[in-house]
Amino acid sequence: MLISSLTKKPYDEKDAIVVLNMKQSSFYWGKKGIQPLSIYPSNDRKTGEPIIVFVFSKSKTREAYQEWLAMRPTTSEVESND
């Protein structure tokens, strides 16, 4: 069990998923109402740049993740918008 830096409540790390994409985190929290289990600052492993890490429940985001995948633009859509 880990303790949330956000809620100060314990959560099971086996049910935790890290989300680094701010748009995806906003979709889960803002659009779907799924509160993060924890949020903390870190650094990008490749660039060393500062990032914000969101931790969500895998079980609570399962359905929202499928919606997220369905609404993401495909490579061809991204290329055609250039």
N, C-alpha and C. Protein backbone atom coordinates (compact mmCIF):
# COMPACT_ATOMS: atom_id res chain seq x y z
N MET A 1 0.84 -1.19 0.00
CA MET A 1 0.00 0.00 0.00
C MET A 1 0.89 1.25 0.00
N LEU A 2 0.44 2.22 -0.77
CA LEU A 2 1.10 3.51 -0.82
C LEU A 2 0.15 4.57 -0.25
N ILE A 3 0.71 5.68 0.18
CA ILE A 3 -0.10 6.77 0.70
C ILE A 3 -0.14 7.88 -0.34
N SER A 4 -1.34 8.33 -0.68
CA SER A 4 -1.54 9.37 -1.67
C SER A 4 -1.01 10.71 -1.18
N SER A 5 -0.25 11.39 -2.03
CA SER A 5 0.21 12.74 -1.70
C SER A 5 -0.94 13.74 -1.85
N LEU A 6 -1.99 13.34 -2.55
CA LEU A 6 -3.15 14.21 -2.80
C LEU A 6 -4.20 14.08 -1.71
N THR A 7 -4.62 12.84 -1.44
CA THR A 7 -5.71 12.61 -0.49
C THR A 7 -5.23 12.15 0.89
N LYS A 8 -3.97 11.75 0.96
CA LYS A 8 -3.36 11.20 2.19
C LYS A 8 -3.97 9.85 2.58
N LYS A 9 -4.69 9.23 1.64
CA LYS A 9 -5.30 7.93 1.88
C LYS A 9 -4.44 6.85 1.23
N PRO A 10 -4.47 5.63 1.78
CA PRO A 10 -3.71 4.54 1.17
C PRO A 10 -4.38 4.04 -0.11
N TYR A 11 -3.57 3.56 -1.05
CA TYR A 11 -4.09 2.93 -2.26
C TYR A 11 -3.17 1.77 -2.64
N ASP A 12 -3.73 0.82 -3.35
CA ASP A 12 -3.01 -0.39 -3.74
C ASP A 12 -2.19 -0.10 -5.00
N GLU A 13 -0.88 -0.24 -4.89
CA GLU A 13 -0.02 0.06 -6.03
C GLU A 13 -0.25 -0.90 -7.20
N LYS A 14 -0.85 -2.06 -6.94
CA LYS A 14 -1.16 -3.00 -8.02
C LYS A 14 -2.31 -2.51 -8.89
N ASP A 15 -3.12 -1.59 -8.35
CA ASP A 15 -4.24 -1.02 -9.09
C ASP A 15 -3.92 0.39 -9.58
N ALA A 16 -2.64 0.76 -9.56
CA ALA A 16 -2.25 2.12 -9.93
C ALA A 16 -1.64 2.15 -11.32
N ILE A 17 -1.98 3.19 -12.06
CA ILE A 17 -1.42 3.43 -13.39
C ILE A 17 -0.90 4.86 -13.42
N VAL A 18 0.33 5.03 -13.91
CA VAL A 18 0.94 6.35 -14.02
C VAL A 18 0.58 6.95 -15.37
N VAL A 19 0.12 8.19 -15.36
CA VAL A 19 -0.22 8.90 -16.59
C VAL A 19 0.61 10.19 -16.63
N LEU A 20 1.42 10.32 -17.67
CA LEU A 20 2.27 11.50 -17.83
C LEU A 20 1.68 12.50 -18.82
N ASN A 21 0.75 12.05 -19.63
CA ASN A 21 0.13 12.89 -20.65
C ASN A 21 -0.91 13.79 -19.98
N MET A 22 -0.67 15.10 -20.02
CA MET A 22 -1.57 16.04 -19.35
C MET A 22 -2.97 16.03 -19.94
N LYS A 23 -3.08 15.87 -21.26
CA LYS A 23 -4.41 15.84 -21.89
C LYS A 23 -5.18 14.60 -21.45
N GLN A 24 -4.49 13.47 -21.36
CA GLN A 24 -5.12 12.23 -20.91
C GLN A 24 -5.55 12.36 -19.45
N SER A 25 -4.69 12.93 -18.62
CA SER A 25 -5.04 13.14 -17.21
C SER A 25 -6.24 14.06 -17.08
N SER A 26 -6.27 15.11 -17.88
CA SER A 26 -7.39 16.04 -17.86
C SER A 26 -8.68 15.37 -18.31
N PHE A 27 -8.58 14.48 -19.30
CA PHE A 27 -9.75 13.73 -19.77
C PHE A 27 -10.30 12.86 -18.64
N TYR A 28 -9.42 12.12 -17.97
CA TYR A 28 -9.87 11.26 -16.87
C TYR A 28 -10.50 12.06 -15.75
N TRP A 29 -9.81 13.11 -15.32
CA TRP A 29 -10.24 13.86 -14.14
C TRP A 29 -11.35 14.84 -14.48
N GLY A 30 -11.15 15.63 -15.52
CA GLY A 30 -12.11 16.68 -15.85
C GLY A 30 -13.35 16.18 -16.57
N LYS A 31 -13.18 15.35 -17.58
CA LYS A 31 -14.32 14.88 -18.39
C LYS A 31 -15.02 13.68 -17.77
N LYS A 32 -14.26 12.77 -17.20
CA LYS A 32 -14.84 11.53 -16.68
C LYS A 32 -15.04 11.55 -15.16
N GLY A 33 -14.50 12.56 -14.47
CA GLY A 33 -14.69 12.68 -13.03
C GLY A 33 -13.93 11.66 -12.20
N ILE A 34 -12.87 11.11 -12.74
CA ILE A 34 -12.07 10.12 -12.02
C ILE A 34 -10.92 10.85 -11.33
N GLN A 35 -10.98 10.98 -10.03
CA GLN A 35 -9.96 11.72 -9.28
C GLN A 35 -8.66 10.91 -9.24
N PRO A 36 -7.54 11.58 -9.43
CA PRO A 36 -6.25 10.87 -9.32
C PRO A 36 -6.06 10.35 -7.90
N LEU A 37 -5.37 9.23 -7.80
CA LEU A 37 -5.01 8.69 -6.49
C LEU A 37 -3.90 9.54 -5.88
N SER A 38 -3.02 10.04 -6.75
CA SER A 38 -1.89 10.83 -6.29
C SER A 38 -1.38 11.70 -7.44
N ILE A 39 -0.72 12.78 -7.10
CA ILE A 39 -0.07 13.67 -8.07
C ILE A 39 1.24 14.09 -7.43
N TYR A 40 2.33 14.03 -8.22
CA TYR A 40 3.60 14.47 -7.67
C TYR A 40 4.54 14.96 -8.79
N PRO A 41 5.46 15.85 -8.44
CA PRO A 41 6.43 16.34 -9.42
C PRO A 41 7.56 15.32 -9.60
N SER A 42 8.11 15.30 -10.79
CA SER A 42 9.24 14.42 -11.08
C SER A 42 10.03 15.04 -12.22
N ASN A 43 10.94 14.26 -12.79
CA ASN A 43 11.71 14.68 -13.95
C ASN A 43 11.61 13.62 -15.02
N ASP A 44 11.52 14.06 -16.27
CA ASP A 44 11.49 13.15 -17.40
C ASP A 44 12.80 12.37 -17.43
N ARG A 45 12.71 11.06 -17.54
CA ARG A 45 13.91 10.21 -17.52
C ARG A 45 14.84 10.46 -18.70
N LYS A 46 14.27 10.82 -19.84
CA LYS A 46 15.09 11.03 -21.04
C LYS A 46 15.69 12.43 -21.10
N THR A 47 14.88 13.43 -20.77
CA THR A 47 15.32 14.82 -20.96
C THR A 47 15.74 15.52 -19.67
N GLY A 48 15.30 14.99 -18.54
CA GLY A 48 15.58 15.65 -17.27
C GLY A 48 14.66 16.82 -16.98
N GLU A 49 13.75 17.11 -17.91
CA GLU A 49 12.81 18.22 -17.75
C GLU A 49 11.79 17.91 -16.65
N PRO A 50 11.33 18.93 -15.92
CA PRO A 50 10.32 18.69 -14.89
C PRO A 50 8.98 18.28 -15.50
N ILE A 51 8.31 17.36 -14.83
CA ILE A 51 6.99 16.88 -15.26
C ILE A 51 6.09 16.72 -14.03
N ILE A 52 4.80 16.61 -14.28
CA ILE A 52 3.84 16.28 -13.24
C ILE A 52 3.35 14.86 -13.51
N VAL A 53 3.39 14.02 -12.49
CA VAL A 53 2.96 12.63 -12.60
C VAL A 53 1.59 12.48 -11.96
N PHE A 54 0.66 11.91 -12.71
CA PHE A 54 -0.67 11.61 -12.20
C PHE A 54 -0.79 10.10 -12.02
N VAL A 55 -1.31 9.67 -10.89
CA VAL A 55 -1.53 8.25 -10.63
C VAL A 55 -3.04 8.04 -10.53
N PHE A 56 -3.55 7.14 -11.37
CA PHE A 56 -4.97 6.82 -11.38
C PHE A 56 -5.17 5.34 -11.07
N SER A 57 -6.38 4.99 -10.72
CA SER A 57 -6.77 3.60 -10.51
C SER A 57 -6.97 2.93 -11.87
N LYS A 58 -6.29 1.80 -12.09
CA LYS A 58 -6.46 1.04 -13.33
C LYS A 58 -7.91 0.62 -13.51
N SER A 59 -8.50 0.11 -12.44
CA SER A 59 -9.85 -0.42 -12.54
C SER A 59 -10.87 0.69 -12.82
N LYS A 60 -10.66 1.87 -12.28
CA LYS A 60 -11.60 2.97 -12.49
C LYS A 60 -11.42 3.64 -13.85
N THR A 61 -10.24 3.53 -14.43
CA THR A 61 -9.97 4.19 -15.72
C THR A 61 -10.08 3.25 -16.92
N ARG A 62 -10.35 1.99 -16.68
CA ARG A 62 -10.37 1.00 -17.78
C ARG A 62 -11.30 1.42 -18.92
N GLU A 63 -12.53 1.76 -18.62
CA GLU A 63 -13.49 2.16 -19.64
C GLU A 63 -13.10 3.52 -20.26
N ALA A 64 -12.68 4.45 -19.41
CA ALA A 64 -12.27 5.77 -19.90
C ALA A 64 -11.05 5.66 -20.81
N TYR A 65 -10.16 4.72 -20.52
CA TYR A 65 -8.98 4.52 -21.36
C TYR A 65 -9.39 4.09 -22.77
N GLN A 66 -10.38 3.22 -22.87
CA GLN A 66 -10.86 2.79 -24.19
C GLN A 66 -11.45 3.99 -24.95
N GLU A 67 -12.16 4.86 -24.25
CA GLU A 67 -12.68 6.08 -24.87
C GLU A 67 -11.54 6.98 -25.32
N TRP A 68 -10.52 7.10 -24.48
CA TRP A 68 -9.35 7.92 -24.80
C TRP A 68 -8.68 7.41 -26.08
N LEU A 69 -8.50 6.11 -26.17
CA LEU A 69 -7.87 5.54 -27.36
C LEU A 69 -8.70 5.79 -28.61
N ALA A 70 -10.01 5.70 -28.48
CA ALA A 70 -10.92 5.87 -29.62
C ALA A 70 -10.92 7.32 -30.12
N MET A 71 -10.69 8.28 -29.25
CA MET A 71 -10.78 9.68 -29.67
C MET A 71 -9.44 10.29 -30.06
N ARG A 72 -8.35 9.58 -29.81
CA ARG A 72 -7.04 10.10 -30.21
C ARG A 72 -6.94 10.13 -31.72
N PRO A 73 -6.30 11.17 -32.27
CA PRO A 73 -6.15 11.21 -33.73
C PRO A 73 -5.19 10.13 -34.20
N THR A 74 -5.47 9.58 -35.37
CA THR A 74 -4.55 8.60 -35.96
C THR A 74 -3.39 9.35 -36.59
N THR A 75 -2.35 8.64 -36.94
CA THR A 75 -1.17 9.26 -37.56
C THR A 75 -1.57 9.98 -38.84
N SER A 76 -2.43 9.37 -39.66
CA SER A 76 -2.83 10.00 -40.91
C SER A 76 -3.63 11.28 -40.67
N GLU A 77 -4.45 11.32 -39.61
CA GLU A 77 -5.20 12.52 -39.28
C GLU A 77 -4.27 13.64 -38.84
N VAL A 78 -3.25 13.28 -38.07
CA VAL A 78 -2.29 14.28 -37.61
C VAL A 78 -1.52 14.82 -38.80
N GLU A 79 -1.10 13.94 -39.71
CA GLU A 79 -0.34 14.37 -40.88
C GLU A 79 -1.18 15.24 -41.79
N SER A 80 -2.46 14.96 -41.94
CA SER A 80 -3.31 15.72 -42.85
C SER A 80 -3.64 17.11 -42.29
N ASN A 81 -3.42 17.33 -41.02
CA ASN A 81 -3.69 18.63 -40.42
C ASN A 81 -2.50 19.59 -40.54
N ASP A 82 -1.39 19.10 -41.01
CA ASP A 82 -0.19 19.95 -41.12
C ASP A 82 -0.25 20.88 -42.30
